[in-house]
Amino acid sequence: MTQSALLETRELSCIRNDRLLFENLDFALESGQMLVVEGPNGCGKTSLLRILTGLRLAENGQVLWRGEPIDRVAGDYFEQVAYVGHHDGVKHELSCLENLRLARAMGLPSQIDLDDVLEQVNLFAYGETEVGSMSAGQKRRLALARLLATESLLWILDEPFTSLDKSSMSMFESMFERQLERGGLIVMTSHHDISLPGQSVQRLRLGGL
């Protein structure tokens, strides 16, 4: 075990539909580090993220948080995890503010005013807007805004830049930088190049060369 690691996997293996996606997967992340998981479609990127969130079990191996298996420290671990999947996961029948209030009720609330959260993601004018009427890019920005509404130490993100334009991508890259600078962790998949100069970014390739 890496003594200073916050998040670590040991000999992790995953099978889906009788097909081995990956095996003996080891990595360790310390405070302020990001892991970008890369590889072709179907190689197990999303499956790995779901194992890290506890939404599915690995066939073999362990996920460790502060050196302990996550099933032993579930309360502490899941309180520290914020997950944004490939789908936005926002409630279409609720407003933007109602969605952020719901996110806070399910996690550790941050000290940032929710109007300020919306302003940071260029959605201030949409606070009372029903999410179902918004564009795909706006919904994605709201999904990622939930990261600011809570104090989660570990962000797990599946293709976070889906439906975003270049300006929005740059905005969220800056947000990712601030998460790392405060000692947080990020594990993410992305088909886009990630540019975070000065930050500790590891890359993990699944599915061979």
N, C-alpha and C. Protein backbone atom coordinates (compact mmCIF):
# COMPACT_ATOMS: atom_id res chain seq x y z
N MET A 1 0.84 -1.19 0.00
CA MET A 1 0.00 0.00 0.00
C MET A 1 0.88 1.25 0.00
N THR A 2 0.49 2.26 -0.78
CA THR A 2 1.19 3.53 -0.78
C THR A 2 0.74 4.32 0.44
N GLN A 3 1.67 4.65 1.33
CA GLN A 3 1.30 5.22 2.62
C GLN A 3 0.55 6.54 2.49
N SER A 4 0.91 7.38 1.51
CA SER A 4 0.30 8.70 1.41
C SER A 4 -0.90 8.73 0.47
N ALA A 5 -1.27 7.59 -0.10
CA ALA A 5 -2.38 7.56 -1.05
C ALA A 5 -3.72 7.75 -0.34
N LEU A 6 -4.58 8.57 -0.95
CA LEU A 6 -5.96 8.67 -0.49
C LEU A 6 -6.82 7.60 -1.15
N LEU A 7 -6.65 7.45 -2.46
CA LEU A 7 -7.43 6.48 -3.23
C LEU A 7 -6.46 5.53 -3.91
N GLU A 8 -6.76 4.23 -3.82
CA GLU A 8 -5.86 3.24 -4.37
C GLU A 8 -6.65 2.03 -4.84
N THR A 9 -6.22 1.42 -5.94
CA THR A 9 -6.77 0.13 -6.34
C THR A 9 -5.65 -0.91 -6.32
N ARG A 10 -6.04 -2.13 -5.98
CA ARG A 10 -5.07 -3.22 -5.92
C ARG A 10 -5.64 -4.44 -6.63
N GLU A 11 -4.95 -4.85 -7.71
CA GLU A 11 -5.28 -6.05 -8.47
C GLU A 11 -6.75 -6.07 -8.88
N LEU A 12 -7.23 -4.93 -9.34
CA LEU A 12 -8.64 -4.79 -9.69
C LEU A 12 -8.92 -5.46 -11.05
N SER A 13 -9.99 -6.26 -11.11
CA SER A 13 -10.38 -6.92 -12.34
C SER A 13 -11.87 -6.73 -12.57
N CYS A 14 -12.26 -6.66 -13.86
CA CYS A 14 -13.66 -6.43 -14.20
C CYS A 14 -14.04 -7.27 -15.41
N ILE A 15 -15.16 -7.96 -15.30
CA ILE A 15 -15.71 -8.77 -16.40
C ILE A 15 -17.12 -8.26 -16.71
N ARG A 16 -17.42 -8.09 -17.99
CA ARG A 16 -18.77 -7.70 -18.40
C ARG A 16 -19.21 -8.57 -19.56
N ASN A 17 -20.40 -9.17 -19.42
CA ASN A 17 -20.92 -10.06 -20.47
C ASN A 17 -19.90 -11.14 -20.84
N ASP A 18 -19.31 -11.74 -19.81
CA ASP A 18 -18.33 -12.82 -19.97
C ASP A 18 -17.04 -12.38 -20.67
N ARG A 19 -16.82 -11.08 -20.77
CA ARG A 19 -15.60 -10.57 -21.42
C ARG A 19 -14.75 -9.83 -20.39
N LEU A 20 -13.48 -10.19 -20.31
CA LEU A 20 -12.56 -9.53 -19.39
C LEU A 20 -12.23 -8.14 -19.93
N LEU A 21 -12.58 -7.12 -19.16
CA LEU A 21 -12.28 -5.75 -19.58
C LEU A 21 -10.90 -5.30 -19.11
N PHE A 22 -10.58 -5.61 -17.87
CA PHE A 22 -9.23 -5.33 -17.36
C PHE A 22 -8.98 -6.22 -16.16
N GLU A 23 -7.70 -6.41 -15.83
CA GLU A 23 -7.35 -7.22 -14.67
C GLU A 23 -6.06 -6.71 -14.06
N ASN A 24 -5.86 -7.03 -12.78
CA ASN A 24 -4.65 -6.65 -12.03
C ASN A 24 -4.35 -5.16 -12.16
N LEU A 25 -5.39 -4.35 -12.05
CA LEU A 25 -5.25 -2.91 -12.24
C LEU A 25 -4.87 -2.25 -10.91
N ASP A 26 -3.71 -1.60 -10.91
CA ASP A 26 -3.21 -0.90 -9.72
C ASP A 26 -2.97 0.57 -10.05
N PHE A 27 -3.46 1.45 -9.19
CA PHE A 27 -3.04 2.85 -9.24
C PHE A 27 -3.23 3.45 -7.86
N ALA A 28 -2.57 4.56 -7.61
CA ALA A 28 -2.68 5.26 -6.33
C ALA A 28 -2.68 6.75 -6.58
N LEU A 29 -3.58 7.45 -5.90
CA LEU A 29 -3.67 8.90 -6.03
C LEU A 29 -3.50 9.55 -4.67
N GLU A 30 -2.64 10.54 -4.63
CA GLU A 30 -2.43 11.33 -3.43
C GLU A 30 -3.22 12.63 -3.53
N SER A 31 -3.23 13.36 -2.44
CA SER A 31 -3.92 14.65 -2.40
C SER A 31 -3.44 15.56 -3.54
N GLY A 32 -4.40 16.15 -4.27
CA GLY A 32 -4.06 17.08 -5.34
C GLY A 32 -3.75 16.44 -6.68
N GLN A 33 -4.07 15.17 -6.85
CA GLN A 33 -3.75 14.48 -8.11
C GLN A 33 -5.01 14.13 -8.89
N MET A 34 -4.84 14.09 -10.23
CA MET A 34 -5.91 13.70 -11.14
C MET A 34 -5.48 12.47 -11.92
N LEU A 35 -6.45 11.58 -12.18
CA LEU A 35 -6.23 10.43 -13.05
C LEU A 35 -7.19 10.53 -14.22
N VAL A 36 -6.64 10.54 -15.44
CA VAL A 36 -7.45 10.54 -16.66
C VAL A 36 -7.42 9.13 -17.24
N VAL A 37 -8.59 8.49 -17.32
CA VAL A 37 -8.70 7.12 -17.83
C VAL A 37 -9.02 7.20 -19.32
N GLU A 38 -8.18 6.57 -20.14
CA GLU A 38 -8.30 6.65 -21.58
C GLU A 38 -8.49 5.27 -22.18
N GLY A 39 -8.92 5.23 -23.44
CA GLY A 39 -9.07 3.97 -24.14
C GLY A 39 -10.27 3.98 -25.05
N PRO A 40 -10.38 3.00 -25.94
CA PRO A 40 -11.49 2.95 -26.90
C PRO A 40 -12.81 2.61 -26.21
N ASN A 41 -13.90 2.87 -26.90
CA ASN A 41 -15.22 2.50 -26.38
C ASN A 41 -15.27 1.01 -26.09
N GLY A 42 -15.88 0.67 -24.95
CA GLY A 42 -16.04 -0.74 -24.60
C GLY A 42 -14.87 -1.35 -23.85
N CYS A 43 -13.86 -0.54 -23.51
CA CYS A 43 -12.68 -1.09 -22.85
C CYS A 43 -12.82 -1.16 -21.33
N GLY A 44 -13.89 -0.56 -20.79
CA GLY A 44 -14.11 -0.65 -19.35
C GLY A 44 -13.94 0.64 -18.58
N LYS A 45 -13.86 1.77 -19.27
CA LYS A 45 -13.66 3.04 -18.58
C LYS A 45 -14.81 3.36 -17.62
N THR A 46 -16.04 3.30 -18.13
CA THR A 46 -17.19 3.59 -17.28
C THR A 46 -17.34 2.55 -16.19
N SER A 47 -17.07 1.29 -16.52
CA SER A 47 -17.14 0.23 -15.50
C SER A 47 -16.17 0.51 -14.36
N LEU A 48 -14.97 0.97 -14.69
CA LEU A 48 -13.99 1.31 -13.65
C LEU A 48 -14.52 2.43 -12.76
N LEU A 49 -15.08 3.47 -13.36
CA LEU A 49 -15.60 4.57 -12.56
C LEU A 49 -16.73 4.10 -11.65
N ARG A 50 -17.59 3.24 -12.15
CA ARG A 50 -18.71 2.75 -11.34
C ARG A 50 -18.21 1.86 -10.20
N ILE A 51 -17.13 1.14 -10.42
CA ILE A 51 -16.52 0.37 -9.32
C ILE A 51 -15.98 1.33 -8.26
N LEU A 52 -15.35 2.41 -8.69
CA LEU A 52 -14.80 3.37 -7.73
C LEU A 52 -15.91 4.05 -6.92
N THR A 53 -17.07 4.25 -7.53
CA THR A 53 -18.18 4.87 -6.81
C THR A 53 -18.91 3.89 -5.92
N GLY A 54 -18.65 2.59 -6.08
CA GLY A 54 -19.37 1.58 -5.33
C GLY A 54 -20.68 1.16 -5.97
N LEU A 55 -20.97 1.65 -7.18
CA LEU A 55 -22.21 1.30 -7.86
C LEU A 55 -22.16 -0.11 -8.46
N ARG A 56 -20.97 -0.65 -8.65
CA ARG A 56 -20.83 -2.05 -9.04
C ARG A 56 -19.61 -2.63 -8.36
N LEU A 57 -19.57 -3.95 -8.29
CA LEU A 57 -18.46 -4.63 -7.63
C LEU A 57 -17.47 -5.14 -8.67
N ALA A 58 -16.20 -5.13 -8.30
CA ALA A 58 -15.17 -5.72 -9.14
C ALA A 58 -15.21 -7.24 -8.99
N GLU A 59 -14.78 -7.94 -10.03
CA GLU A 59 -14.68 -9.40 -9.94
C GLU A 59 -13.55 -9.81 -9.01
N ASN A 60 -12.53 -8.96 -8.94
CA ASN A 60 -11.36 -9.24 -8.13
C ASN A 60 -10.74 -7.94 -7.68
N GLY A 61 -10.01 -7.99 -6.58
CA GLY A 61 -9.25 -6.83 -6.16
C GLY A 61 -10.01 -5.92 -5.20
N GLN A 62 -9.38 -4.81 -4.85
CA GLN A 62 -9.92 -3.90 -3.85
C GLN A 62 -9.78 -2.45 -4.28
N VAL A 63 -10.71 -1.63 -3.81
CA VAL A 63 -10.59 -0.18 -3.85
C VAL A 63 -10.36 0.28 -2.41
N LEU A 64 -9.31 1.05 -2.19
CA LEU A 64 -8.95 1.49 -0.85
C LEU A 64 -9.10 3.00 -0.72
N TRP A 65 -9.60 3.44 0.42
CA TRP A 65 -9.69 4.86 0.75
C TRP A 65 -8.94 5.08 2.06
N ARG A 66 -7.91 5.89 2.00
CA ARG A 66 -7.02 6.10 3.16
C ARG A 66 -6.51 4.77 3.71
N GLY A 67 -6.25 3.83 2.80
CA GLY A 67 -5.66 2.56 3.16
C GLY A 67 -6.63 1.48 3.59
N GLU A 68 -7.94 1.78 3.61
CA GLU A 68 -8.94 0.81 4.04
C GLU A 68 -9.89 0.49 2.88
N PRO A 69 -10.32 -0.76 2.75
CA PRO A 69 -11.31 -1.09 1.71
C PRO A 69 -12.56 -0.23 1.86
N ILE A 70 -13.10 0.22 0.74
CA ILE A 70 -14.21 1.18 0.82
C ILE A 70 -15.45 0.59 1.48
N ASP A 71 -15.61 -0.74 1.44
CA ASP A 71 -16.78 -1.31 2.10
C ASP A 71 -16.67 -1.24 3.62
N ARG A 72 -15.46 -1.05 4.14
CA ARG A 72 -15.26 -0.93 5.58
C ARG A 72 -15.42 0.51 6.07
N VAL A 73 -15.21 1.45 5.17
CA VAL A 73 -15.30 2.88 5.55
C VAL A 73 -16.36 3.57 4.69
N ALA A 74 -17.43 2.85 4.41
CA ALA A 74 -18.43 3.32 3.45
C ALA A 74 -18.98 4.69 3.80
N GLY A 75 -19.29 4.92 5.08
CA GLY A 75 -19.86 6.20 5.47
C GLY A 75 -18.95 7.36 5.15
N ASP A 76 -17.69 7.25 5.53
CA ASP A 76 -16.72 8.32 5.28
C ASP A 76 -16.44 8.45 3.78
N TYR A 77 -16.29 7.33 3.11
CA TYR A 77 -15.92 7.36 1.69
C TYR A 77 -17.03 7.97 0.84
N PHE A 78 -18.23 7.45 0.95
CA PHE A 78 -19.29 7.91 0.05
C PHE A 78 -19.69 9.35 0.34
N GLU A 79 -19.45 9.82 1.54
CA GLU A 79 -19.68 11.22 1.86
C GLU A 79 -18.70 12.12 1.12
N GLN A 80 -17.54 11.57 0.75
CA GLN A 80 -16.50 12.35 0.10
C GLN A 80 -16.53 12.24 -1.43
N VAL A 81 -17.43 11.44 -1.97
CA VAL A 81 -17.46 11.19 -3.42
C VAL A 81 -18.57 11.99 -4.09
N ALA A 82 -18.22 12.69 -5.17
CA ALA A 82 -19.21 13.32 -6.05
C ALA A 82 -19.05 12.69 -7.43
N TYR A 83 -20.14 12.15 -7.95
CA TYR A 83 -20.10 11.43 -9.23
C TYR A 83 -21.00 12.12 -10.25
N VAL A 84 -20.42 12.43 -11.40
CA VAL A 84 -21.20 12.93 -12.53
C VAL A 84 -20.98 11.93 -13.66
N GLY A 85 -22.03 11.18 -13.99
CA GLY A 85 -21.92 10.15 -15.00
C GLY A 85 -22.05 10.69 -16.41
N HIS A 86 -22.04 9.76 -17.37
CA HIS A 86 -22.17 10.15 -18.78
C HIS A 86 -23.51 10.84 -19.02
N HIS A 87 -24.55 10.37 -18.30
CA HIS A 87 -25.83 11.08 -18.32
C HIS A 87 -25.82 12.13 -17.22
N ASP A 88 -26.54 13.22 -17.43
CA ASP A 88 -26.42 14.37 -16.53
C ASP A 88 -26.89 14.08 -15.11
N GLY A 89 -27.93 13.26 -14.95
CA GLY A 89 -28.40 12.93 -13.61
C GLY A 89 -29.13 14.05 -12.90
N VAL A 90 -29.61 15.04 -13.66
CA VAL A 90 -30.38 16.13 -13.05
C VAL A 90 -31.87 15.83 -13.22
N LYS A 91 -32.68 16.39 -12.32
CA LYS A 91 -34.13 16.19 -12.34
C LYS A 91 -34.77 17.22 -13.27
N HIS A 92 -35.34 16.76 -14.37
CA HIS A 92 -35.88 17.67 -15.38
C HIS A 92 -37.10 18.43 -14.90
N GLU A 93 -37.83 17.87 -13.93
CA GLU A 93 -39.04 18.53 -13.46
C GLU A 93 -38.75 19.59 -12.39
N LEU A 94 -37.50 19.66 -11.94
CA LEU A 94 -37.09 20.65 -10.94
C LEU A 94 -36.37 21.82 -11.61
N SER A 95 -36.28 22.92 -10.89
CA SER A 95 -35.50 24.06 -11.37
C SER A 95 -34.02 23.84 -11.09
N CYS A 96 -33.19 24.73 -11.63
CA CYS A 96 -31.74 24.63 -11.37
C CYS A 96 -31.45 24.71 -9.88
N LEU A 97 -32.04 25.68 -9.20
CA LEU A 97 -31.79 25.84 -7.78
C LEU A 97 -32.28 24.64 -6.99
N GLU A 98 -33.42 24.10 -7.36
CA GLU A 98 -33.94 22.93 -6.67
C GLU A 98 -33.02 21.73 -6.84
N ASN A 99 -32.43 21.58 -8.02
CA ASN A 99 -31.48 20.50 -8.25
C ASN A 99 -30.25 20.67 -7.36
N LEU A 100 -29.76 21.88 -7.23
CA LEU A 100 -28.58 22.12 -6.39
C LEU A 100 -28.91 21.90 -4.91
N ARG A 101 -30.11 22.29 -4.50
CA ARG A 101 -30.51 22.04 -3.11
C ARG A 101 -30.58 20.54 -2.83
N LEU A 102 -31.06 19.79 -3.81
CA LEU A 102 -31.13 18.34 -3.66
C LEU A 102 -29.73 17.74 -3.53
N ALA A 103 -28.80 18.23 -4.36
CA ALA A 103 -27.42 17.75 -4.30
C ALA A 103 -26.82 18.02 -2.92
N ARG A 104 -27.11 19.19 -2.36
CA ARG A 104 -26.60 19.53 -1.03
C ARG A 104 -27.20 18.63 0.04
N ALA A 105 -28.46 18.31 -0.10
CA ALA A 105 -29.12 17.48 0.90
C ALA A 105 -28.54 16.07 0.93
N MET A 106 -27.92 15.65 -0.18
CA MET A 106 -27.39 14.29 -0.28
C MET A 106 -25.89 14.22 -0.02
N GLY A 107 -25.25 15.37 0.18
CA GLY A 107 -23.80 15.37 0.40
C GLY A 107 -23.40 16.34 1.50
N LEU A 108 -22.13 16.71 1.50
CA LEU A 108 -21.61 17.69 2.45
C LEU A 108 -21.76 19.08 1.83
N PRO A 109 -22.63 19.94 2.34
CA PRO A 109 -22.85 21.25 1.71
C PRO A 109 -21.60 22.11 1.73
N SER A 110 -21.34 22.79 0.63
CA SER A 110 -20.26 23.76 0.59
C SER A 110 -20.76 25.09 1.16
N GLN A 111 -19.85 26.02 1.34
CA GLN A 111 -20.21 27.33 1.88
C GLN A 111 -20.56 28.33 0.79
N ILE A 112 -20.53 27.91 -0.46
CA ILE A 112 -20.80 28.81 -1.58
C ILE A 112 -22.31 28.99 -1.73
N ASP A 113 -22.75 30.24 -1.82
CA ASP A 113 -24.16 30.52 -2.06
C ASP A 113 -24.57 29.92 -3.40
N LEU A 114 -25.77 29.32 -3.47
CA LEU A 114 -26.18 28.62 -4.68
C LEU A 114 -26.34 29.56 -5.87
N ASP A 115 -26.73 30.80 -5.63
CA ASP A 115 -26.76 31.76 -6.73
C ASP A 115 -25.35 31.99 -7.29
N ASP A 116 -24.36 32.00 -6.40
CA ASP A 116 -22.97 32.14 -6.85
C ASP A 116 -22.51 30.91 -7.62
N VAL A 117 -22.97 29.73 -7.19
CA VAL A 117 -22.65 28.51 -7.93
C VAL A 117 -23.16 28.62 -9.36
N LEU A 118 -24.41 29.04 -9.52
CA LEU A 118 -24.99 29.17 -10.86
C LEU A 118 -24.25 30.23 -11.67
N GLU A 119 -23.85 31.31 -11.02
CA GLU A 119 -23.12 32.35 -11.74
C GLU A 119 -21.78 31.83 -12.25
N GLN A 120 -21.12 30.99 -11.45
CA GLN A 120 -19.82 30.45 -11.87
C GLN A 120 -19.93 29.57 -13.10
N VAL A 121 -21.10 28.98 -13.34
CA VAL A 121 -21.27 28.11 -14.51
C VAL A 121 -22.17 28.76 -15.57
N ASN A 122 -22.30 30.10 -15.46
CA ASN A 122 -23.07 30.89 -16.44
C ASN A 122 -24.53 30.45 -16.54
N LEU A 123 -25.13 30.16 -15.38
CA LEU A 123 -26.55 29.79 -15.34
C LEU A 123 -27.33 30.66 -14.35
N PHE A 124 -26.77 31.80 -13.98
CA PHE A 124 -27.41 32.63 -12.95
C PHE A 124 -28.84 33.01 -13.33
N ALA A 125 -29.07 33.30 -14.61
CA ALA A 125 -30.39 33.74 -15.05
C ALA A 125 -31.41 32.60 -15.11
N TYR A 126 -30.95 31.36 -14.85
CA TYR A 126 -31.81 30.19 -15.01
C TYR A 126 -32.14 29.52 -13.68
N GLY A 127 -31.95 30.22 -12.58
CA GLY A 127 -32.14 29.62 -11.27
C GLY A 127 -33.52 28.99 -11.07
N GLU A 128 -34.56 29.68 -11.53
CA GLU A 128 -35.92 29.19 -11.35
C GLU A 128 -36.46 28.48 -12.58
N THR A 129 -35.60 28.26 -13.58
CA THR A 129 -36.02 27.62 -14.82
C THR A 129 -36.12 26.11 -14.65
N GLU A 130 -37.21 25.53 -15.14
CA GLU A 130 -37.35 24.07 -15.12
C GLU A 130 -36.32 23.45 -16.05
N VAL A 131 -35.57 22.51 -15.54
CA VAL A 131 -34.41 21.98 -16.26
C VAL A 131 -34.80 21.31 -17.58
N GLY A 132 -35.98 20.72 -17.64
CA GLY A 132 -36.41 20.04 -18.86
C GLY A 132 -36.49 20.94 -20.07
N SER A 133 -36.59 22.24 -19.86
CA SER A 133 -36.69 23.18 -20.98
C SER A 133 -35.33 23.71 -21.43
N MET A 134 -34.25 23.27 -20.80
CA MET A 134 -32.93 23.81 -21.09
C MET A 134 -32.21 22.99 -22.16
N SER A 135 -31.16 23.57 -22.74
CA SER A 135 -30.38 22.89 -23.77
C SER A 135 -29.48 21.82 -23.16
N ALA A 136 -28.93 20.95 -24.01
CA ALA A 136 -28.04 19.88 -23.53
C ALA A 136 -26.81 20.46 -22.84
N GLY A 137 -26.26 21.54 -23.40
CA GLY A 137 -25.08 22.16 -22.79
C GLY A 137 -25.39 22.76 -21.43
N GLN A 138 -26.56 23.40 -21.31
CA GLN A 138 -26.96 23.98 -20.03
C GLN A 138 -27.17 22.89 -18.97
N LYS A 139 -27.78 21.78 -19.37
CA LYS A 139 -27.98 20.68 -18.43
C LYS A 139 -26.65 20.12 -17.97
N ARG A 140 -25.68 20.05 -18.90
CA ARG A 140 -24.37 19.52 -18.50
C ARG A 140 -23.68 20.47 -17.54
N ARG A 141 -23.79 21.77 -17.77
CA ARG A 141 -23.19 22.74 -16.86
C ARG A 141 -23.83 22.64 -15.48
N LEU A 142 -25.14 22.41 -15.44
CA LEU A 142 -25.82 22.25 -14.15
C LEU A 142 -25.35 20.98 -13.44
N ALA A 143 -25.20 19.89 -14.21
CA ALA A 143 -24.72 18.64 -13.61
C ALA A 143 -23.37 18.85 -12.94
N LEU A 144 -22.48 19.58 -13.62
CA LEU A 144 -21.15 19.83 -13.06
C LEU A 144 -21.19 20.87 -11.95
N ALA A 145 -22.19 21.75 -11.97
CA ALA A 145 -22.33 22.74 -10.90
C ALA A 145 -22.55 22.07 -9.56
N ARG A 146 -23.10 20.86 -9.56
CA ARG A 146 -23.32 20.15 -8.30
C ARG A 146 -22.01 19.89 -7.57
N LEU A 147 -20.89 19.85 -8.31
CA LEU A 147 -19.58 19.67 -7.68
C LEU A 147 -19.25 20.84 -6.78
N LEU A 148 -19.71 22.03 -7.16
CA LEU A 148 -19.43 23.23 -6.36
C LEU A 148 -20.37 23.35 -5.17
N ALA A 149 -21.52 22.71 -5.25
CA ALA A 149 -22.52 22.82 -4.19
C ALA A 149 -22.18 21.98 -2.98
N THR A 150 -21.22 21.06 -3.13
CA THR A 150 -20.81 20.19 -2.03
C THR A 150 -19.30 20.29 -1.81
N GLU A 151 -18.85 19.72 -0.70
CA GLU A 151 -17.43 19.77 -0.33
C GLU A 151 -16.73 18.44 -0.61
N SER A 152 -17.16 17.69 -1.58
CA SER A 152 -16.61 16.37 -1.86
C SER A 152 -15.12 16.45 -2.18
N LEU A 153 -14.35 15.56 -1.56
CA LEU A 153 -12.91 15.52 -1.79
C LEU A 153 -12.56 14.80 -3.09
N LEU A 154 -13.38 13.81 -3.48
CA LEU A 154 -13.11 13.00 -4.66
C LEU A 154 -14.19 13.22 -5.70
N TRP A 155 -13.80 13.71 -6.86
CA TRP A 155 -14.72 13.88 -7.99
C TRP A 155 -14.48 12.75 -8.99
N ILE A 156 -15.53 12.04 -9.34
CA ILE A 156 -15.46 10.97 -10.33
C ILE A 156 -16.36 11.38 -11.50
N LEU A 157 -15.76 11.58 -12.67
CA LEU A 157 -16.45 12.23 -13.78
C LEU A 157 -16.32 11.41 -15.06
N ASP A 158 -17.46 11.07 -15.65
CA ASP A 158 -17.49 10.28 -16.88
C ASP A 158 -17.79 11.22 -18.06
N GLU A 159 -16.78 11.48 -18.88
CA GLU A 159 -16.91 12.37 -20.03
C GLU A 159 -17.57 13.70 -19.63
N PRO A 160 -16.94 14.46 -18.73
CA PRO A 160 -17.59 15.68 -18.24
C PRO A 160 -17.80 16.75 -19.29
N PHE A 161 -17.04 16.71 -20.40
CA PHE A 161 -17.15 17.76 -21.40
C PHE A 161 -18.20 17.50 -22.47
N THR A 162 -18.98 16.42 -22.32
CA THR A 162 -20.04 16.12 -23.27
C THR A 162 -20.99 17.31 -23.39
N SER A 163 -21.29 17.72 -24.63
CA SER A 163 -22.25 18.80 -24.96
C SER A 163 -21.74 20.20 -24.62
N LEU A 164 -20.48 20.33 -24.20
CA LEU A 164 -19.96 21.65 -23.85
C LEU A 164 -19.18 22.26 -25.00
N ASP A 165 -19.28 23.59 -25.14
CA ASP A 165 -18.46 24.30 -26.13
C ASP A 165 -17.09 24.58 -25.54
N LYS A 166 -16.19 25.12 -26.36
CA LYS A 166 -14.81 25.33 -25.91
C LYS A 166 -14.73 26.28 -24.72
N SER A 167 -15.57 27.31 -24.71
CA SER A 167 -15.55 28.26 -23.61
C SER A 167 -15.95 27.58 -22.30
N SER A 168 -16.97 26.74 -22.35
CA SER A 168 -17.41 26.03 -21.14
C SER A 168 -16.36 25.01 -20.70
N MET A 169 -15.72 24.34 -21.66
CA MET A 169 -14.67 23.39 -21.31
C MET A 169 -13.55 24.08 -20.57
N SER A 170 -13.14 25.26 -21.04
CA SER A 170 -12.08 26.01 -20.38
C SER A 170 -12.50 26.43 -18.98
N MET A 171 -13.76 26.82 -18.83
CA MET A 171 -14.28 27.21 -17.52
C MET A 171 -14.19 26.06 -16.52
N PHE A 172 -14.56 24.85 -16.96
CA PHE A 172 -14.53 23.72 -16.05
C PHE A 172 -13.11 23.21 -15.82
N GLU A 173 -12.22 23.37 -16.78
CA GLU A 173 -10.82 23.04 -16.52
C GLU A 173 -10.28 23.89 -15.37
N SER A 174 -10.66 25.17 -15.35
CA SER A 174 -10.24 26.04 -14.25
C SER A 174 -10.82 25.57 -12.93
N MET A 175 -12.07 25.07 -12.97
CA MET A 175 -12.69 24.53 -11.76
C MET A 175 -11.96 23.28 -11.29
N PHE A 176 -11.54 22.44 -12.24
CA PHE A 176 -10.79 21.24 -11.88
C PHE A 176 -9.46 21.63 -11.24
N GLU A 177 -8.82 22.65 -11.77
CA GLU A 177 -7.56 23.12 -11.19
C GLU A 177 -7.74 23.52 -9.73
N ARG A 178 -8.80 24.24 -9.44
CA ARG A 178 -9.05 24.68 -8.06
C ARG A 178 -9.31 23.49 -7.15
N GLN A 179 -9.98 22.47 -7.65
CA GLN A 179 -10.20 21.26 -6.85
C GLN A 179 -8.88 20.60 -6.47
N LEU A 180 -7.97 20.52 -7.42
CA LEU A 180 -6.66 19.92 -7.15
C LEU A 180 -5.83 20.79 -6.22
N GLU A 181 -5.91 22.10 -6.41
CA GLU A 181 -5.13 23.02 -5.58
C GLU A 181 -5.55 22.97 -4.12
N ARG A 182 -6.80 22.64 -3.86
CA ARG A 182 -7.26 22.55 -2.47
C ARG A 182 -7.04 21.17 -1.88
N GLY A 183 -6.36 20.29 -2.66
CA GLY A 183 -6.01 18.98 -2.15
C GLY A 183 -6.99 17.88 -2.51
N GLY A 184 -7.96 18.19 -3.38
CA GLY A 184 -8.92 17.19 -3.81
C GLY A 184 -8.35 16.25 -4.86
N LEU A 185 -9.14 15.24 -5.20
CA LEU A 185 -8.77 14.26 -6.22
C LEU A 185 -9.81 14.29 -7.34
N ILE A 186 -9.38 13.96 -8.55
CA ILE A 186 -10.30 13.81 -9.68
C ILE A 186 -9.92 12.55 -10.44
N VAL A 187 -10.91 11.70 -10.70
CA VAL A 187 -10.75 10.58 -11.62
C VAL A 187 -11.78 10.80 -12.72
N MET A 188 -11.32 10.82 -13.97
CA MET A 188 -12.25 11.13 -15.04
C MET A 188 -11.89 10.41 -16.33
N THR A 189 -12.89 10.23 -17.18
CA THR A 189 -12.67 9.79 -18.55
C THR A 189 -12.91 10.99 -19.45
N SER A 190 -12.23 11.03 -20.58
CA SER A 190 -12.47 12.12 -21.52
C SER A 190 -11.85 11.79 -22.87
N HIS A 191 -12.60 12.10 -23.93
CA HIS A 191 -12.06 12.00 -25.28
C HIS A 191 -11.36 13.30 -25.69
N HIS A 192 -11.43 14.31 -24.81
CA HIS A 192 -10.81 15.61 -25.09
C HIS A 192 -9.47 15.72 -24.37
N ASP A 193 -8.57 16.48 -24.94
CA ASP A 193 -7.29 16.73 -24.29
C ASP A 193 -7.53 17.57 -23.03
N ILE A 194 -6.87 17.20 -21.95
CA ILE A 194 -6.98 17.92 -20.69
C ILE A 194 -5.71 18.74 -20.50
N SER A 195 -5.87 20.05 -20.35
CA SER A 195 -4.72 20.93 -20.20
C SER A 195 -4.76 21.59 -18.83
N LEU A 196 -3.96 21.07 -17.90
CA LEU A 196 -3.87 21.63 -16.56
C LEU A 196 -2.40 21.82 -16.20
N PRO A 197 -1.74 22.81 -16.79
CA PRO A 197 -0.32 23.03 -16.53
C PRO A 197 -0.05 23.23 -15.04
N GLY A 198 0.99 22.58 -14.57
CA GLY A 198 1.38 22.74 -13.18
C GLY A 198 0.67 21.81 -12.23
N GLN A 199 -0.31 21.03 -12.73
CA GLN A 199 -1.03 20.09 -11.87
C GLN A 199 -0.51 18.67 -12.11
N SER A 200 -0.70 17.82 -11.11
CA SER A 200 -0.26 16.44 -11.19
C SER A 200 -1.34 15.59 -11.85
N VAL A 201 -1.13 15.26 -13.13
CA VAL A 201 -2.12 14.50 -13.90
C VAL A 201 -1.51 13.17 -14.34
N GLN A 202 -2.10 12.07 -13.87
CA GLN A 202 -1.69 10.75 -14.32
C GLN A 202 -2.64 10.29 -15.43
N ARG A 203 -2.17 9.37 -16.26
CA ARG A 203 -3.01 8.81 -17.31
C ARG A 203 -2.98 7.28 -17.24
N LEU A 204 -4.16 6.71 -17.40
CA LEU A 204 -4.31 5.25 -17.35
C LEU A 204 -4.98 4.82 -18.64
N ARG A 205 -4.29 3.96 -19.40
CA ARG A 205 -4.80 3.49 -20.68
C ARG A 205 -5.39 2.09 -20.52
N LEU A 206 -6.66 1.93 -20.85
CA LEU A 206 -7.31 0.63 -20.84
C LEU A 206 -7.47 0.13 -22.28
N GLY A 207 -7.57 -1.17 -22.44
CA GLY A 207 -7.83 -1.71 -23.77
C GLY A 207 -6.64 -1.84 -24.66
N GLY A 208 -5.45 -1.97 -24.09
CA GLY A 208 -4.25 -2.16 -24.91
C GLY A 208 -3.75 -0.87 -25.50
N LEU A 209 -3.02 -0.99 -26.61
CA LEU A 209 -2.39 0.18 -27.23
C LEU A 209 -3.41 1.00 -28.00
